[in-house]
Amino acid sequence: MGNQKTNSMQEEYLSNQVEDEYLTRCVVDTSTKTFNLFSNLGNQKTVKCENTEEFMNVLNVVRTKLDDRSELVYADPLTKIAL
């Protein structure tokens, strides 16, 4: 019985030591008003903004959440090629 309690306590301790997820990189695509967000745990999310005001609000939040500006990158703008 004591061994089971010890194992349970170890599992609880380890589960409390799980690293918090945080934003590590953001790729901003101004052409599509899209943000691709990457976390330290390898998760990726895409945020598609409906208008310019929403895009600017999200950009301001991302800028304040990232500690190192090198983590904020911009995708190359889309261009039309004349044929």
C-alpha atoms as a PDB file:
ATOM      1  CA  MET A   1       0.000   0.000   0.000  1.00  0.00           C
ATOM      2  CA  GLY A   2       2.837   2.418   0.876  1.00  0.00           C
ATOM      3  CA  ASN A   3       4.493   1.796  -2.504  1.00  0.00           C
ATOM      4  CA  GLN A   4       1.269   2.700  -4.347  1.00  0.00           C
ATOM      5  CA  LYS A   5       1.021   5.946  -2.385  1.00  0.00           C
ATOM      6  CA  THR A   6       4.645   6.787  -3.202  1.00  0.00           C
ATOM      7  CA  ASN A   7       4.053   6.131  -6.921  1.00  0.00           C
ATOM      8  CA  SER A   8       0.902   8.263  -6.830  1.00  0.00           C
ATOM      9  CA  MET A   9       2.787  11.107  -5.153  1.00  0.00           C
ATOM     10  CA  GLN A  10       5.585  10.866  -7.743  1.00  0.00           C
ATOM     11  CA  GLU A  11       3.076  10.988 -10.612  1.00  0.00           C
ATOM     12  CA  GLU A  12       1.356  14.019  -9.090  1.00  0.00           C
ATOM     13  CA  TYR A  13       4.717  15.769  -8.636  1.00  0.00           C
ATOM     14  CA  LEU A  14       5.723  15.062 -12.232  1.00  0.00           C
ATOM     15  CA  SER A  15       2.373  16.238 -13.593  1.00  0.00           C
ATOM     16  CA  ASN A  16       2.824  19.518 -11.720  1.00  0.00           C
ATOM     17  CA  GLN A  17       6.264  19.955 -13.309  1.00  0.00           C
ATOM     18  CA  VAL A  18       4.904  20.064 -16.874  1.00  0.00           C
ATOM     19  CA  GLU A  19       6.325  23.043 -18.702  1.00  0.00           C
ATOM     20  CA  ASP A  20       3.903  25.861 -19.479  1.00  0.00           C
ATOM     21  CA  GLU A  21       3.224  26.452 -23.136  1.00  0.00           C
ATOM     22  CA  TYR A  22       4.278  29.816 -24.518  1.00  0.00           C
ATOM     23  CA  LEU A  23       4.666  31.555 -27.858  1.00  0.00           C
ATOM     24  CA  THR A  24       8.106  31.142 -29.416  1.00  0.00           C
ATOM     25  CA  ARG A  25       7.627  32.303 -33.005  1.00  0.00           C
ATOM     26  CA  CYS A  26       5.064  34.174 -35.037  1.00  0.00           C
ATOM     27  CA  VAL A  27       5.001  34.400 -38.823  1.00  0.00           C
ATOM     28  CA  VAL A  28       2.884  37.336 -39.992  1.00  0.00           C
ATOM     29  CA  ASP A  29       1.432  37.298 -43.497  1.00  0.00           C
ATOM     30  CA  THR A  30       0.219  40.820 -44.228  1.00  0.00           C
ATOM     31  CA  SER A  31      -1.201  39.836 -47.632  1.00  0.00           C
ATOM     32  CA  THR A  32      -3.685  37.389 -46.130  1.00  0.00           C
ATOM     33  CA  LYS A  33      -3.987  39.030 -42.670  1.00  0.00           C
ATOM     34  CA  THR A  34      -2.859  35.743 -41.126  1.00  0.00           C
ATOM     35  CA  PHE A  35      -0.703  34.876 -38.118  1.00  0.00           C
ATOM     36  CA  ASN A  36       0.990  31.491 -37.767  1.00  0.00           C
ATOM     37  CA  LEU A  37       1.799  30.986 -34.084  1.00  0.00           C
ATOM     38  CA  PHE A  38       4.285  28.372 -32.853  1.00  0.00           C
ATOM     39  CA  SER A  39       4.735  27.257 -29.235  1.00  0.00           C
ATOM     40  CA  ASN A  40       7.646  25.838 -27.267  1.00  0.00           C
ATOM     41  CA  LEU A  41       5.776  22.502 -27.168  1.00  0.00           C
ATOM     42  CA  GLY A  42       5.641  22.277 -30.971  1.00  0.00           C
ATOM     43  CA  ASN A  43       2.006  23.284 -31.381  1.00  0.00           C
ATOM     44  CA  GLN A  44       0.999  25.519 -34.278  1.00  0.00           C
ATOM     45  CA  LYS A  45      -2.106  27.687 -34.620  1.00  0.00           C
ATOM     46  CA  THR A  46      -3.268  29.930 -37.436  1.00  0.00           C
ATOM     47  CA  VAL A  47      -5.237  33.114 -36.780  1.00  0.00           C
ATOM     48  CA  LYS A  48      -7.038  34.607 -39.794  1.00  0.00           C
ATOM     49  CA  CYS A  49      -8.187  38.196 -39.284  1.00  0.00           C
ATOM     50  CA  GLU A  50     -11.354  39.481 -40.942  1.00  0.00           C
ATOM     51  CA  ASN A  51     -10.292  43.117 -41.314  1.00  0.00           C
ATOM     52  CA  THR A  52      -7.391  45.517 -40.890  1.00  0.00           C
ATOM     53  CA  GLU A  53      -8.433  46.676 -37.411  1.00  0.00           C
ATOM     54  CA  GLU A  54      -8.525  43.092 -36.120  1.00  0.00           C
ATOM     55  CA  PHE A  55      -5.173  42.401 -37.809  1.00  0.00           C
ATOM     56  CA  MET A  56      -3.549  45.397 -36.109  1.00  0.00           C
ATOM     57  CA  ASN A  57      -4.994  44.413 -32.707  1.00  0.00           C
ATOM     58  CA  VAL A  58      -3.596  40.890 -32.994  1.00  0.00           C
ATOM     59  CA  LEU A  59      -0.236  42.239 -34.172  1.00  0.00           C
ATOM     60  CA  ASN A  60      -0.034  44.524 -31.109  1.00  0.00           C
ATOM     61  CA  VAL A  61      -0.779  41.605 -28.773  1.00  0.00           C
ATOM     62  CA  VAL A  62       1.849  39.419 -30.445  1.00  0.00           C
ATOM     63  CA  ARG A  63       4.452  42.191 -30.232  1.00  0.00           C
ATOM     64  CA  THR A  64       3.880  42.581 -26.492  1.00  0.00           C
ATOM     65  CA  LYS A  65       3.948  38.821 -25.805  1.00  0.00           C
ATOM     66  CA  LEU A  66       7.204  38.098 -27.640  1.00  0.00           C
ATOM     67  CA  ASP A  67      10.321  38.916 -25.645  1.00  0.00           C
ATOM     68  CA  ASP A  68      12.764  38.718 -28.536  1.00  0.00           C
ATOM     69  CA  ARG A  69      11.776  40.600 -31.693  1.00  0.00           C
ATOM     70  CA  SER A  70      13.655  38.043 -33.811  1.00  0.00           C
ATOM     71  CA  GLU A  71      10.786  35.665 -33.015  1.00  0.00           C
ATOM     72  CA  LEU A  72       8.441  37.886 -35.010  1.00  0.00           C
ATOM     73  CA  VAL A  73       8.946  37.426 -38.745  1.00  0.00           C
ATOM     74  CA  TYR A  74       7.022  38.532 -41.796  1.00  0.00           C
ATOM     75  CA  ALA A  75       6.209  36.333 -44.782  1.00  0.00           C
ATOM     76  CA  ASP A  76       7.155  37.630 -48.216  1.00  0.00           C
ATOM     77  CA  PRO A  77       4.255  39.624 -49.687  1.00  0.00           C
ATOM     78  CA  LEU A  78       2.312  38.121 -52.536  1.00  0.00           C
ATOM     79  CA  THR A  79       2.996  39.779 -55.870  1.00  0.00           C
ATOM     80  CA  LYS A  80       1.350  39.464 -59.247  1.00  0.00           C
ATOM     81  CA  ILE A  81       3.486  38.551 -62.203  1.00  0.00           C
ATOM     82  CA  ALA A  82       2.474  40.105 -65.511  1.00  0.00           C
ATOM     83  CA  LEU A  83       2.433  37.599 -68.342  1.00  0.00           C
END
